[in-house]
Amino acid sequence: MMQRAFIDSQEFKGIDFSKKHLKVGDYEYCTFINCTFSDVDLSEVSFMECEFEACNLSMAKLYNTMFKETIFKNCKLLGLRFENCNKYFFEIRFEACILNLSSFYQLDLTRVIFVDNSLHKVDFTEANLKNIIFNNCDLEGAIFENTNIEKADFKTAYNFNIDLEKNQVEKAKFSLPGIKGLLEKYRIEIDD
């Protein structure tokens, strides 16, 4: 059996991991700056207290990948299937990232932070978003179906469309302009 690599407190800068292989192992306190992981298989890799800045992870494979207390800043994360990640240690902060076409199907996102992100057509079906704050996030075309958004904060989020009858919404918070995204299915005209 092959030994897992253990990488601690290293900085990786400008590396294209689609050309240079990333070792399967445990990465703790590591920083990845301007790296490319596009279409890379990150299965079984653990990232603990790591930071990704200006990286491209679009279409990476995430089977049993662990993200524990991991931060993504200004990253491109298109088409990722986060539901394939290790579900027990799923603690991520997304800041100013593009997560379009990604999926959080059936995930518990109560330890995830979203700030200034583009979340176009992201799938939140059957996810637990209780108490989540979508801080200045664009949720255009995001899918909320059988999703728990109880006490979630959408006050600064925009472009969302949430069917109140198909989701758990008790005590969720919305701003007055956001009300449009809750009533759209009724084809009610609301003046700004």
Protein backbone atom coordinates (compact mmCIF):
# COMPACT_ATOMS: atom_id res chain seq x y z
CA MET A 1 0.00 0.00 0.00
CA MET A 2 1.30 3.43 -0.96
CA GLN A 3 2.14 5.88 1.84
CA ARG A 4 0.07 9.09 1.96
CA ALA A 5 2.05 12.29 1.66
CA PHE A 6 1.89 14.79 4.53
CA ILE A 7 2.57 18.37 3.45
CA ASP A 8 2.64 21.07 6.13
CA SER A 9 2.83 24.89 5.86
CA GLN A 10 4.00 25.06 2.25
CA GLU A 11 3.24 27.69 -0.37
CA PHE A 12 2.51 26.62 -3.94
CA LYS A 13 2.58 29.49 -6.44
CA GLY A 14 1.69 29.50 -10.14
CA ILE A 15 1.74 25.71 -10.53
CA ASP A 16 -0.39 24.01 -13.19
CA PHE A 17 -1.41 20.76 -11.48
CA SER A 18 -3.09 19.58 -14.68
CA LYS A 19 0.50 19.11 -15.93
CA LYS A 20 2.37 18.52 -12.66
CA HIS A 21 0.81 15.82 -10.45
CA LEU A 22 -0.45 16.81 -6.99
CA LYS A 23 0.48 14.12 -4.48
CA VAL A 24 -2.45 12.36 -2.83
CA GLY A 25 -2.15 13.14 0.84
CA ASP A 26 -2.88 15.51 3.68
CA TYR A 27 -2.18 19.21 3.19
CA GLU A 28 -2.23 21.31 6.37
CA TYR A 29 -1.75 25.08 6.60
CA CYS A 30 -0.76 25.22 2.91
CA THR A 31 -1.36 28.13 0.56
CA PHE A 32 -2.08 27.75 -3.16
CA ILE A 33 -1.72 31.00 -5.13
CA ASN A 34 -2.58 31.32 -8.83
CA CYS A 35 -2.54 27.55 -9.34
CA THR A 36 -4.50 25.52 -11.88
CA PHE A 37 -6.41 22.40 -10.82
CA SER A 38 -8.79 22.41 -13.79
CA ASP A 39 -10.02 18.84 -14.52
CA VAL A 40 -7.56 17.50 -11.91
CA ASP A 41 -8.51 14.46 -9.83
CA LEU A 42 -8.36 15.62 -6.19
CA SER A 43 -10.03 12.47 -4.90
CA GLU A 44 -8.90 11.31 -1.43
CA VAL A 45 -6.84 14.51 -0.91
CA SER A 46 -7.32 16.34 2.42
CA PHE A 47 -6.99 20.11 2.73
CA MET A 48 -6.99 21.26 6.37
CA GLU A 49 -6.74 24.95 7.18
CA CYS A 50 -5.51 25.66 3.65
CA GLU A 51 -6.04 28.73 1.51
CA PHE A 52 -6.58 28.92 -2.25
CA GLU A 53 -6.17 32.33 -3.85
CA ALA A 54 -6.83 33.14 -7.54
CA CYS A 55 -6.84 29.42 -8.40
CA ASN A 56 -8.85 27.59 -11.07
CA LEU A 57 -10.41 24.34 -9.84
CA SER A 58 -13.09 24.10 -12.53
CA MET A 59 -14.35 20.58 -13.17
CA ALA A 60 -11.94 19.03 -10.65
CA LYS A 61 -12.95 15.61 -9.32
CA LEU A 62 -13.73 15.67 -5.60
CA TYR A 63 -14.46 12.08 -4.54
CA ASN A 64 -13.92 11.91 -0.78
CA THR A 65 -11.88 15.14 -0.90
CA MET A 66 -11.72 16.82 2.51
CA PHE A 67 -12.01 20.59 2.93
CA LYS A 68 -11.70 21.43 6.62
CA GLU A 69 -11.46 25.12 7.53
CA THR A 70 -10.41 25.88 3.95
CA ILE A 71 -10.66 29.31 2.33
CA PHE A 72 -11.15 30.04 -1.37
CA LYS A 73 -10.55 33.67 -2.45
CA ASN A 74 -11.03 34.95 -6.01
CA CYS A 75 -11.13 31.38 -7.34
CA LYS A 76 -12.87 29.88 -10.34
CA LEU A 77 -14.81 26.78 -9.23
CA LEU A 78 -17.06 25.97 -12.20
CA GLY A 79 -19.03 22.72 -12.35
CA LEU A 80 -17.78 21.21 -9.09
CA ARG A 81 -19.75 18.37 -7.46
CA PHE A 82 -19.20 19.24 -3.80
CA GLU A 83 -21.62 16.48 -2.74
CA ASN A 84 -18.86 13.99 -3.59
CA CYS A 85 -16.56 15.49 -0.92
CA ASN A 86 -15.97 14.08 2.54
CA LYS A 87 -19.18 15.20 4.28
CA TYR A 88 -17.90 14.97 7.86
CA PHE A 89 -15.35 17.76 7.64
CA PHE A 90 -16.94 20.18 5.17
CA GLU A 91 -15.97 23.66 6.38
CA ILE A 92 -15.30 26.16 3.61
CA ARG A 93 -15.26 29.93 3.19
CA PHE A 94 -15.87 31.21 -0.36
CA GLU A 95 -14.91 34.86 -0.98
CA ALA A 96 -15.33 36.55 -4.38
CA CYS A 97 -15.43 33.19 -6.17
CA ILE A 98 -17.22 32.00 -9.30
CA LEU A 99 -19.07 28.80 -8.38
CA ASN A 100 -21.42 28.71 -11.37
CA LEU A 101 -22.92 25.34 -12.34
CA SER A 102 -21.62 23.66 -9.16
CA SER A 103 -23.66 21.35 -6.97
CA PHE A 104 -24.17 21.08 -3.21
CA TYR A 105 -26.87 18.40 -3.51
CA GLN A 106 -27.98 17.06 -0.07
CA LEU A 107 -24.99 18.66 1.71
CA ASP A 108 -24.99 20.17 5.17
CA LEU A 109 -23.69 23.68 4.49
CA THR A 110 -24.13 25.04 8.00
CA ARG A 111 -20.34 25.45 8.31
CA VAL A 112 -19.91 27.15 4.93
CA ILE A 113 -19.56 30.92 4.40
CA PHE A 114 -20.50 32.66 1.14
CA VAL A 115 -19.26 36.25 0.57
CA ASP A 116 -19.39 38.15 -2.77
CA ASN A 117 -19.79 35.03 -4.92
CA SER A 118 -21.35 34.25 -8.27
CA LEU A 119 -23.58 31.20 -7.75
CA HIS A 120 -25.35 31.03 -11.13
CA LYS A 121 -27.31 27.80 -11.63
CA VAL A 122 -25.84 26.23 -8.49
CA ASP A 123 -27.82 23.22 -7.23
CA PHE A 124 -28.83 23.46 -3.56
CA THR A 125 -31.47 20.69 -3.85
CA GLU A 126 -32.15 19.01 -0.48
CA ALA A 127 -29.19 20.84 1.12
CA ASN A 128 -29.20 22.16 4.67
CA LEU A 129 -28.65 25.94 4.52
CA LYS A 130 -30.02 26.66 7.97
CA ASN A 131 -28.56 29.93 9.34
CA ILE A 132 -26.41 30.46 6.21
CA ILE A 133 -25.66 34.04 5.15
CA PHE A 134 -25.46 34.72 1.42
CA ASN A 135 -23.49 37.96 1.79
CA ASN A 136 -23.76 39.93 -1.49
CA CYS A 137 -24.09 36.76 -3.60
CA ASP A 138 -25.57 36.47 -7.10
CA LEU A 139 -27.91 33.46 -7.08
CA GLU A 140 -29.23 33.74 -10.64
CA GLY A 141 -30.81 30.44 -11.65
CA ALA A 142 -29.76 28.70 -8.40
CA ILE A 143 -31.93 25.68 -7.62
CA PHE A 144 -33.65 25.51 -4.23
CA GLU A 145 -35.86 22.44 -3.98
CA ASN A 146 -36.66 20.66 -0.71
CA THR A 147 -33.90 22.86 0.71
CA ASN A 148 -33.76 23.89 4.35
CA ILE A 149 -33.25 27.67 4.34
CA GLU A 150 -34.65 28.24 7.83
CA LYS A 151 -33.10 31.36 9.38
CA ALA A 152 -30.89 31.78 6.28
CA ASP A 153 -30.01 35.38 5.44
CA PHE A 154 -30.70 36.51 1.87
CA LYS A 155 -30.86 40.25 2.72
CA THR A 156 -27.92 41.20 0.49
CA ALA A 157 -28.26 38.32 -2.00
CA TYR A 158 -29.81 38.99 -5.38
CA ASN A 159 -31.26 37.36 -8.54
CA PHE A 160 -32.64 34.40 -6.57
CA ASN A 161 -35.94 32.66 -7.22
CA ILE A 162 -37.18 30.53 -4.32
CA ASP A 163 -40.47 28.66 -4.26
CA LEU A 164 -41.77 29.08 -0.71
CA GLU A 165 -43.96 25.99 -1.06
CA LYS A 166 -41.09 23.66 -1.98
CA ASN A 167 -38.58 24.65 0.72
CA GLN A 168 -38.34 25.00 4.50
CA VAL A 169 -38.24 28.78 4.90
CA GLU A 170 -39.27 29.57 8.47
CA LYS A 171 -37.59 32.73 9.78
CA ALA A 172 -35.45 33.16 6.65
CA LYS A 173 -34.43 36.81 6.15
CA PHE A 174 -35.01 38.80 2.96
CA SER A 175 -34.78 42.46 1.98
CA LEU A 176 -37.73 44.23 0.38
CA PRO A 177 -36.16 44.14 -3.14
CA GLY A 178 -35.60 40.37 -2.69
CA ILE A 179 -39.32 39.71 -2.23
CA LYS A 180 -39.63 39.63 -6.04
CA GLY A 181 -37.61 36.40 -6.09
CA LEU A 182 -40.11 34.78 -3.74
CA LEU A 183 -43.24 35.73 -5.66
CA GLU A 184 -42.07 35.26 -9.25
CA LYS A 185 -44.01 32.04 -9.82
CA TYR A 186 -47.25 33.90 -9.12
CA ARG A 187 -46.57 36.39 -11.95
CA ILE A 188 -47.39 39.27 -9.67
CA GLU A 189 -46.26 42.70 -10.83
CA ILE A 190 -44.27 44.54 -8.17
CA ASP A 191 -43.17 48.14 -8.67
CA ASP A 192 -39.68 49.03 -7.52
